[in-house]
Amino acid sequence: MKTEVYQTRPIRFIEIYACAGWRVKIYSISVKAETVAAEQLIEAKKQLPIWLENSKITPLQNYQIATLIIHEGNEGCFAVLSWWVDENMLQLFAYLRWYGQPQFHLLSDKGIVSCVWEMAILCFERNAWVANVLKRGKSPDFENYLQQQLQTDI
């Protein structure tokens, strides 16, 4: 078993990206640099319309607001896409693009969800969702939710 000593990685908010009627909060994590390589971001954005179609596999309501984490790890580039359904449940799909390979492949169908660095973003997004949507009852503040973004080294 490979054991590496934990090291912090930069978590950087990239943008709110409009795609197929959705607003997507895009984050970067990289073991290599301050932010992911532009190529990785471009390739993930190309896949977003297809990936967002997964929102239709359940009849549960979503808000057409998602979070995409692009993470250059040791093995390759991960793309973790999630959105809230039925008010308080997270629907999540994880993809991996091995370095040197042309496309992302679904990984979450193998039971993989996210790593410790990605979970920091998911925790932040959970807290922002609770504060701006769930605690506000019939008057959720989606705009404020979108404007809350994590920038840290963790």
N, C-alpha and C. Protein backbone atom coordinates (compact mmCIF):
# COMPACT_ATOMS: atom_id res chain seq x y z
N MET A 1 0.84 -1.18 0.00
CA MET A 1 0.00 0.00 0.00
C MET A 1 0.89 1.25 0.00
N LYS A 2 0.59 2.16 -0.88
CA LYS A 2 1.33 3.41 -0.99
C LYS A 2 0.88 4.35 0.13
N THR A 3 1.83 4.88 0.88
CA THR A 3 1.48 5.84 1.91
C THR A 3 2.28 7.12 1.68
N GLU A 4 1.57 8.19 1.51
CA GLU A 4 2.16 9.50 1.31
C GLU A 4 1.76 10.38 2.47
N VAL A 5 2.65 11.20 2.93
CA VAL A 5 2.32 12.14 3.99
C VAL A 5 1.40 13.21 3.41
N TYR A 6 0.32 13.48 4.13
CA TYR A 6 -0.66 14.49 3.69
C TYR A 6 0.01 15.85 3.53
N GLN A 7 -0.29 16.49 2.40
CA GLN A 7 0.17 17.86 2.18
C GLN A 7 -1.02 18.69 1.73
N THR A 8 -1.02 19.94 2.14
CA THR A 8 -2.12 20.81 1.73
C THR A 8 -2.08 21.03 0.22
N ARG A 9 -3.25 21.32 -0.31
CA ARG A 9 -3.39 21.65 -1.73
C ARG A 9 -4.22 22.92 -1.84
N PRO A 10 -3.95 23.72 -2.86
CA PRO A 10 -4.73 24.95 -3.03
C PRO A 10 -6.13 24.64 -3.58
N ILE A 11 -7.12 25.14 -2.89
CA ILE A 11 -8.50 25.09 -3.36
C ILE A 11 -8.83 26.49 -3.83
N ARG A 12 -9.16 26.60 -5.11
CA ARG A 12 -9.43 27.91 -5.69
C ARG A 12 -10.76 27.88 -6.43
N PHE A 13 -11.57 28.90 -6.15
CA PHE A 13 -12.80 29.08 -6.90
C PHE A 13 -12.42 29.65 -8.25
N ILE A 14 -12.96 29.08 -9.34
CA ILE A 14 -12.63 29.53 -10.69
C ILE A 14 -13.69 30.48 -11.23
N GLU A 15 -14.96 30.03 -11.24
CA GLU A 15 -16.02 30.85 -11.82
C GLU A 15 -17.38 30.21 -11.60
N ILE A 16 -18.41 31.01 -11.85
CA ILE A 16 -19.76 30.49 -12.00
C ILE A 16 -19.98 30.39 -13.49
N TYR A 17 -20.18 29.18 -13.95
CA TYR A 17 -20.24 28.88 -15.38
C TYR A 17 -21.67 28.53 -15.78
N ALA A 18 -22.19 29.19 -16.81
CA ALA A 18 -23.53 28.90 -17.32
C ALA A 18 -23.43 27.78 -18.35
N CYS A 19 -24.27 26.75 -18.18
CA CYS A 19 -24.23 25.61 -19.08
C CYS A 19 -25.59 24.92 -19.12
N ALA A 20 -26.20 24.85 -20.28
CA ALA A 20 -27.45 24.11 -20.48
C ALA A 20 -28.54 24.52 -19.49
N GLY A 21 -28.62 25.81 -19.19
CA GLY A 21 -29.62 26.30 -18.26
C GLY A 21 -29.23 26.18 -16.79
N TRP A 22 -28.05 25.68 -16.51
CA TRP A 22 -27.54 25.51 -15.15
C TRP A 22 -26.52 26.60 -14.84
N ARG A 23 -26.34 26.86 -13.56
CA ARG A 23 -25.22 27.66 -13.07
C ARG A 23 -24.33 26.72 -12.26
N VAL A 24 -23.06 26.68 -12.63
CA VAL A 24 -22.13 25.72 -12.05
C VAL A 24 -20.99 26.46 -11.37
N LYS A 25 -20.84 26.22 -10.07
CA LYS A 25 -19.71 26.76 -9.32
C LYS A 25 -18.52 25.84 -9.59
N ILE A 26 -17.49 26.38 -10.22
CA ILE A 26 -16.33 25.55 -10.58
C ILE A 26 -15.17 25.86 -9.63
N TYR A 27 -14.61 24.78 -9.09
CA TYR A 27 -13.46 24.86 -8.19
C TYR A 27 -12.29 24.10 -8.79
N SER A 28 -11.09 24.51 -8.39
CA SER A 28 -9.85 23.86 -8.79
C SER A 28 -9.11 23.37 -7.56
N ILE A 29 -8.56 22.17 -7.67
CA ILE A 29 -7.60 21.65 -6.70
C ILE A 29 -6.48 21.04 -7.54
N SER A 30 -5.24 21.28 -7.14
CA SER A 30 -4.14 20.71 -7.92
C SER A 30 -2.97 20.33 -7.03
N VAL A 31 -2.44 19.15 -7.28
CA VAL A 31 -1.22 18.72 -6.63
C VAL A 31 -0.01 19.32 -7.35
N LYS A 32 -0.25 19.89 -8.54
CA LYS A 32 0.83 20.37 -9.41
C LYS A 32 1.06 21.87 -9.37
N ALA A 33 0.00 22.66 -9.18
CA ALA A 33 0.11 24.11 -9.36
C ALA A 33 -0.95 24.82 -8.52
N GLU A 34 -0.97 26.13 -8.64
CA GLU A 34 -1.96 26.95 -7.92
C GLU A 34 -3.38 26.63 -8.38
N THR A 35 -3.55 26.39 -9.68
CA THR A 35 -4.85 25.98 -10.24
C THR A 35 -4.62 24.88 -11.28
N VAL A 36 -5.68 24.20 -11.62
CA VAL A 36 -5.58 23.14 -12.62
C VAL A 36 -5.17 23.72 -13.97
N ALA A 37 -4.61 22.88 -14.80
CA ALA A 37 -4.22 23.29 -16.15
C ALA A 37 -5.46 23.68 -16.96
N ALA A 38 -5.31 24.70 -17.79
CA ALA A 38 -6.43 25.17 -18.63
C ALA A 38 -7.02 24.04 -19.44
N GLU A 39 -6.20 23.13 -19.94
CA GLU A 39 -6.68 22.00 -20.74
C GLU A 39 -7.68 21.15 -19.97
N GLN A 40 -7.40 20.92 -18.70
CA GLN A 40 -8.30 20.09 -17.87
C GLN A 40 -9.65 20.79 -17.69
N LEU A 41 -9.62 22.07 -17.47
CA LEU A 41 -10.84 22.85 -17.31
C LEU A 41 -11.66 22.84 -18.60
N ILE A 42 -10.99 23.03 -19.72
CA ILE A 42 -11.67 23.05 -21.03
C ILE A 42 -12.33 21.70 -21.31
N GLU A 43 -11.61 20.61 -21.06
CA GLU A 43 -12.16 19.27 -21.31
C GLU A 43 -13.36 18.98 -20.41
N ALA A 44 -13.28 19.38 -19.15
CA ALA A 44 -14.41 19.16 -18.24
C ALA A 44 -15.63 19.97 -18.68
N LYS A 45 -15.41 21.21 -19.08
CA LYS A 45 -16.53 22.04 -19.55
C LYS A 45 -17.19 21.45 -20.79
N LYS A 46 -16.40 20.83 -21.66
CA LYS A 46 -16.96 20.18 -22.85
C LYS A 46 -17.92 19.06 -22.46
N GLN A 47 -17.62 18.38 -21.36
CA GLN A 47 -18.43 17.25 -20.92
C GLN A 47 -19.66 17.67 -20.09
N LEU A 48 -19.64 18.87 -19.56
CA LEU A 48 -20.71 19.31 -18.65
C LEU A 48 -22.13 19.10 -19.19
N PRO A 49 -22.45 19.47 -20.43
CA PRO A 49 -23.82 19.26 -20.90
C PRO A 49 -24.26 17.79 -20.81
N ILE A 50 -23.34 16.89 -21.11
CA ILE A 50 -23.64 15.46 -21.03
C ILE A 50 -23.79 15.03 -19.57
N TRP A 51 -22.86 15.46 -18.75
CA TRP A 51 -22.90 15.08 -17.33
C TRP A 51 -24.16 15.60 -16.64
N LEU A 52 -24.58 16.80 -16.99
CA LEU A 52 -25.77 17.38 -16.34
C LEU A 52 -27.04 16.64 -16.72
N GLU A 53 -27.02 15.90 -17.81
CA GLU A 53 -28.17 15.07 -18.19
C GLU A 53 -28.47 14.02 -17.12
N ASN A 54 -27.48 13.67 -16.30
CA ASN A 54 -27.70 12.71 -15.22
C ASN A 54 -28.71 13.21 -14.20
N SER A 55 -29.00 14.50 -14.23
CA SER A 55 -30.01 15.04 -13.30
C SER A 55 -31.39 14.48 -13.60
N LYS A 56 -31.56 13.91 -14.77
CA LYS A 56 -32.86 13.38 -15.18
C LYS A 56 -33.07 11.91 -14.79
N ILE A 57 -32.08 11.28 -14.19
CA ILE A 57 -32.24 9.87 -13.88
C ILE A 57 -33.12 9.62 -12.65
N THR A 58 -33.41 10.67 -11.89
CA THR A 58 -34.36 10.54 -10.79
C THR A 58 -35.45 11.58 -10.99
N PRO A 59 -36.62 11.33 -10.44
CA PRO A 59 -37.71 12.31 -10.55
C PRO A 59 -37.62 13.43 -9.52
N LEU A 60 -36.56 13.44 -8.72
CA LEU A 60 -36.43 14.43 -7.65
C LEU A 60 -36.10 15.81 -8.21
N GLN A 61 -36.67 16.83 -7.58
CA GLN A 61 -36.44 18.21 -8.00
C GLN A 61 -34.99 18.61 -7.78
N ASN A 62 -34.45 19.36 -8.73
CA ASN A 62 -33.15 20.00 -8.51
C ASN A 62 -33.33 21.49 -8.80
N TYR A 63 -32.29 22.24 -8.61
CA TYR A 63 -32.38 23.70 -8.70
C TYR A 63 -31.56 24.27 -9.86
N GLN A 64 -31.03 23.39 -10.68
CA GLN A 64 -30.17 23.76 -11.80
C GLN A 64 -28.99 24.62 -11.34
N ILE A 65 -28.49 24.25 -10.17
CA ILE A 65 -27.28 24.84 -9.60
C ILE A 65 -26.39 23.67 -9.21
N ALA A 66 -25.16 23.65 -9.70
CA ALA A 66 -24.26 22.53 -9.44
C ALA A 66 -22.90 23.03 -8.97
N THR A 67 -22.12 22.10 -8.47
CA THR A 67 -20.73 22.36 -8.10
C THR A 67 -19.86 21.37 -8.86
N LEU A 68 -18.85 21.89 -9.54
CA LEU A 68 -17.89 21.05 -10.25
C LEU A 68 -16.51 21.28 -9.66
N ILE A 69 -15.90 20.21 -9.21
CA ILE A 69 -14.54 20.25 -8.68
C ILE A 69 -13.63 19.58 -9.70
N ILE A 70 -12.67 20.33 -10.22
CA ILE A 70 -11.65 19.78 -11.11
C ILE A 70 -10.39 19.62 -10.27
N HIS A 71 -9.91 18.39 -10.16
CA HIS A 71 -8.81 18.09 -9.24
C HIS A 71 -7.71 17.33 -9.95
N GLU A 72 -6.58 18.00 -10.14
CA GLU A 72 -5.40 17.32 -10.66
C GLU A 72 -4.74 16.60 -9.49
N GLY A 73 -4.91 15.30 -9.47
CA GLY A 73 -4.31 14.47 -8.43
C GLY A 73 -3.08 13.78 -8.95
N ASN A 74 -2.62 12.79 -8.22
CA ASN A 74 -1.44 12.05 -8.64
C ASN A 74 -1.71 11.13 -9.82
N GLU A 75 -2.90 10.52 -9.86
CA GLU A 75 -3.23 9.53 -10.88
C GLU A 75 -3.70 10.15 -12.18
N GLY A 76 -4.37 11.27 -12.07
CA GLY A 76 -4.98 11.92 -13.23
C GLY A 76 -5.83 13.08 -12.75
N CYS A 77 -6.70 13.53 -13.64
CA CYS A 77 -7.56 14.66 -13.31
C CYS A 77 -8.96 14.14 -12.99
N PHE A 78 -9.43 14.47 -11.81
CA PHE A 78 -10.76 14.08 -11.38
C PHE A 78 -11.73 15.23 -11.62
N ALA A 79 -12.95 14.90 -11.93
CA ALA A 79 -14.03 15.88 -12.05
C ALA A 79 -15.17 15.36 -11.19
N VAL A 80 -15.50 16.11 -10.15
CA VAL A 80 -16.57 15.71 -9.23
C VAL A 80 -17.69 16.71 -9.39
N LEU A 81 -18.82 16.24 -9.89
CA LEU A 81 -19.97 17.10 -10.17
C LEU A 81 -21.11 16.72 -9.24
N SER A 82 -21.68 17.73 -8.58
CA SER A 82 -22.79 17.46 -7.65
C SER A 82 -23.82 18.57 -7.71
N TRP A 83 -25.04 18.23 -7.29
CA TRP A 83 -26.12 19.21 -7.16
C TRP A 83 -27.09 18.72 -6.11
N TRP A 84 -27.84 19.65 -5.57
CA TRP A 84 -28.82 19.34 -4.53
C TRP A 84 -30.13 18.91 -5.17
N VAL A 85 -30.71 17.85 -4.64
CA VAL A 85 -32.02 17.37 -5.09
C VAL A 85 -32.93 17.25 -3.88
N ASP A 86 -34.23 17.41 -4.14
CA ASP A 86 -35.24 17.24 -3.10
C ASP A 86 -34.86 17.99 -1.83
N GLU A 87 -34.40 19.20 -2.00
CA GLU A 87 -34.00 20.16 -0.96
C GLU A 87 -32.68 19.86 -0.28
N ASN A 88 -32.47 18.61 0.19
CA ASN A 88 -31.34 18.40 1.10
C ASN A 88 -30.49 17.17 0.81
N MET A 89 -30.61 16.60 -0.38
CA MET A 89 -29.78 15.44 -0.73
C MET A 89 -28.84 15.82 -1.87
N LEU A 90 -27.64 15.30 -1.79
CA LEU A 90 -26.63 15.60 -2.80
C LEU A 90 -26.55 14.46 -3.80
N GLN A 91 -26.69 14.79 -5.07
CA GLN A 91 -26.48 13.82 -6.14
C GLN A 91 -25.09 14.10 -6.70
N LEU A 92 -24.26 13.07 -6.80
CA LEU A 92 -22.85 13.28 -7.12
C LEU A 92 -22.37 12.26 -8.14
N PHE A 93 -21.58 12.74 -9.08
CA PHE A 93 -20.94 11.89 -10.08
C PHE A 93 -19.47 12.26 -10.13
N ALA A 94 -18.61 11.25 -10.04
CA ALA A 94 -17.16 11.46 -10.09
C ALA A 94 -16.60 10.83 -11.36
N TYR A 95 -15.71 11.56 -12.01
CA TYR A 95 -15.10 11.12 -13.26
C TYR A 95 -13.59 11.23 -13.12
N LEU A 96 -12.86 10.43 -13.91
CA LEU A 96 -11.40 10.47 -13.90
C LEU A 96 -10.90 10.48 -15.33
N ARG A 97 -9.98 11.38 -15.57
CA ARG A 97 -9.26 11.43 -16.86
C ARG A 97 -7.81 11.13 -16.53
N TRP A 98 -7.37 9.91 -16.84
CA TRP A 98 -5.99 9.54 -16.59
C TRP A 98 -5.08 10.48 -17.39
N TYR A 99 -3.95 10.82 -16.83
CA TYR A 99 -3.00 11.67 -17.55
C TYR A 99 -2.62 10.98 -18.85
N GLY A 100 -2.61 11.74 -19.93
CA GLY A 100 -2.28 11.21 -21.24
C GLY A 100 -3.46 10.61 -21.99
N GLN A 101 -4.62 10.55 -21.35
CA GLN A 101 -5.83 9.99 -21.98
C GLN A 101 -6.72 11.13 -22.47
N PRO A 102 -7.51 10.90 -23.52
CA PRO A 102 -8.29 11.98 -24.10
C PRO A 102 -9.59 12.32 -23.39
N GLN A 103 -10.14 11.41 -22.58
CA GLN A 103 -11.46 11.71 -22.04
C GLN A 103 -11.63 11.26 -20.59
N PHE A 104 -12.66 11.80 -19.97
CA PHE A 104 -13.04 11.43 -18.61
C PHE A 104 -13.87 10.15 -18.64
N HIS A 105 -13.74 9.34 -17.60
CA HIS A 105 -14.52 8.12 -17.45
C HIS A 105 -15.22 8.14 -16.10
N LEU A 106 -16.46 7.68 -16.07
CA LEU A 106 -17.23 7.63 -14.83
C LEU A 106 -16.52 6.75 -13.82
N LEU A 107 -16.37 7.25 -12.61
CA LEU A 107 -15.68 6.53 -11.55
C LEU A 107 -16.63 6.23 -10.39
N SER A 108 -17.65 7.06 -10.22
CA SER A 108 -18.54 6.88 -9.07
C SER A 108 -19.38 5.62 -9.17
N ASP A 109 -19.51 5.04 -10.36
CA ASP A 109 -20.25 3.78 -10.48
C ASP A 109 -19.47 2.62 -9.85
N LYS A 110 -18.23 2.89 -9.46
CA LYS A 110 -17.40 1.89 -8.78
C LYS A 110 -17.40 2.11 -7.27
N GLY A 111 -18.23 3.05 -6.79
CA GLY A 111 -18.33 3.32 -5.37
C GLY A 111 -17.43 4.46 -4.90
N ILE A 112 -16.60 5.00 -5.77
CA ILE A 112 -15.71 6.12 -5.43
C ILE A 112 -16.55 7.40 -5.43
N VAL A 113 -16.39 8.21 -4.40
CA VAL A 113 -17.15 9.46 -4.33
C VAL A 113 -16.21 10.66 -4.40
N SER A 114 -15.40 10.86 -3.39
CA SER A 114 -14.50 12.01 -3.38
C SER A 114 -13.38 11.77 -2.37
N CYS A 115 -12.33 12.57 -2.50
CA CYS A 115 -11.18 12.44 -1.60
C CYS A 115 -11.25 13.50 -0.50
N VAL A 116 -10.27 13.50 0.37
CA VAL A 116 -10.28 14.41 1.52
C VAL A 116 -10.24 15.88 1.10
N TRP A 117 -9.53 16.22 0.03
CA TRP A 117 -9.48 17.62 -0.42
C TRP A 117 -10.82 18.04 -1.03
N GLU A 118 -11.40 17.16 -1.84
CA GLU A 118 -12.71 17.46 -2.44
C GLU A 118 -13.80 17.56 -1.37
N MET A 119 -13.67 16.75 -0.34
CA MET A 119 -14.66 16.79 0.74
C MET A 119 -14.68 18.13 1.46
N ALA A 120 -13.55 18.83 1.48
CA ALA A 120 -13.52 20.16 2.10
C ALA A 120 -14.45 21.11 1.34
N ILE A 121 -14.45 21.02 0.02
CA ILE A 121 -15.35 21.84 -0.79
C ILE A 121 -16.79 21.41 -0.56
N LEU A 122 -17.04 20.11 -0.57
CA LEU A 122 -18.40 19.62 -0.36
C LEU A 122 -18.94 20.04 1.01
N CYS A 123 -18.09 20.04 2.02
CA CYS A 123 -18.51 20.49 3.36
C CYS A 123 -18.84 21.98 3.34
N PHE A 124 -17.99 22.78 2.70
CA PHE A 124 -18.26 24.21 2.58
C PHE A 124 -19.58 24.45 1.86
N GLU A 125 -19.79 23.74 0.75
CA GLU A 125 -21.01 23.91 -0.03
C GLU A 125 -22.23 23.46 0.76
N ARG A 126 -22.09 22.43 1.53
CA ARG A 126 -23.18 21.97 2.41
C ARG A 126 -23.58 23.07 3.38
N ASN A 127 -22.59 23.67 4.03
CA ASN A 127 -22.88 24.72 5.01
C ASN A 127 -23.51 25.94 4.35
N ALA A 128 -23.04 26.30 3.16
CA ALA A 128 -23.62 27.44 2.43
C ALA A 128 -25.06 27.12 2.01
N TRP A 129 -25.32 25.88 1.61
CA TRP A 129 -26.68 25.48 1.21
C TRP A 129 -27.64 25.54 2.40
N VAL A 130 -27.18 25.05 3.54
CA VAL A 130 -28.02 25.08 4.74
C VAL A 130 -28.36 26.53 5.11
N ALA A 131 -27.35 27.39 5.13
CA ALA A 131 -27.55 28.79 5.54
C ALA A 131 -28.42 29.57 4.56
N ASN A 132 -28.23 29.37 3.27
CA ASN A 132 -28.90 30.20 2.26
C ASN A 132 -30.17 29.62 1.69
N VAL A 133 -30.37 28.33 1.85
CA VAL A 133 -31.55 27.70 1.27
C VAL A 133 -32.41 27.05 2.35
N LEU A 134 -31.87 26.08 3.06
CA LEU A 134 -32.69 25.32 4.00
C LEU A 134 -33.18 26.14 5.18
N LYS A 135 -32.35 27.00 5.73
CA LYS A 135 -32.77 27.81 6.88
C LYS A 135 -33.68 28.97 6.50
N ARG A 136 -33.85 29.21 5.22
CA ARG A 136 -34.67 30.34 4.77
C ARG A 136 -36.08 29.92 4.38
N GLY A 137 -36.39 28.63 4.48
CA GLY A 137 -37.74 28.16 4.22
C GLY A 137 -38.23 28.49 2.82
N LYS A 138 -39.32 29.25 2.74
CA LYS A 138 -39.94 29.55 1.44
C LYS A 138 -39.26 30.68 0.69
N SER A 139 -38.21 31.27 1.26
CA SER A 139 -37.51 32.35 0.55
C SER A 139 -36.00 32.06 0.46
N PRO A 140 -35.63 30.99 -0.26
CA PRO A 140 -34.21 30.68 -0.39
C PRO A 140 -33.46 31.77 -1.15
N ASP A 141 -32.20 31.96 -0.78
CA ASP A 141 -31.36 32.97 -1.43
C ASP A 141 -30.29 32.26 -2.27
N PHE A 142 -30.68 31.84 -3.46
CA PHE A 142 -29.76 31.12 -4.34
C PHE A 142 -28.61 32.02 -4.80
N GLU A 143 -28.88 33.30 -4.98
CA GLU A 143 -27.82 34.22 -5.43
C GLU A 143 -26.72 34.33 -4.38
N ASN A 144 -27.10 34.44 -3.12
CA ASN A 144 -26.10 34.52 -2.06
C ASN A 144 -25.34 33.19 -1.95
N TYR A 145 -26.07 32.10 -2.11
CA TYR A 145 -25.40 30.79 -2.12
C TYR A 145 -24.32 30.74 -3.20
N LEU A 146 -24.65 31.18 -4.40
CA LEU A 146 -23.68 31.17 -5.49
C LEU A 146 -22.47 32.06 -5.21
N GLN A 147 -22.69 33.14 -4.49
CA GLN A 147 -21.60 34.08 -4.22
C GLN A 147 -20.70 33.65 -3.07
N GLN A 148 -21.10 32.65 -2.33
CA GLN A 148 -20.24 32.13 -1.27
C GLN A 148 -19.31 31.08 -1.88
N GLN A 149 -18.02 31.34 -1.80
CA GLN A 149 -17.04 30.48 -2.47
C GLN A 149 -15.84 30.24 -1.57
N LEU A 150 -15.30 29.07 -1.67
CA LEU A 150 -14.16 28.68 -0.83
C LEU A 150 -12.84 28.98 -1.56
N GLN A 151 -11.95 29.63 -0.85
CA GLN A 151 -10.58 29.89 -1.32
C GLN A 151 -9.68 29.59 -0.13
N THR A 152 -8.93 28.50 -0.21
CA THR A 152 -8.08 28.15 0.92
C THR A 152 -7.01 27.15 0.50
N ASP A 153 -6.08 26.92 1.36
CA ASP A 153 -5.14 25.82 1.20
C ASP A 153 -5.48 24.85 2.32
N ILE A 154 -5.76 23.61 1.95
CA ILE A 154 -6.18 22.66 2.97
C ILE A 154 -5.61 21.27 2.68
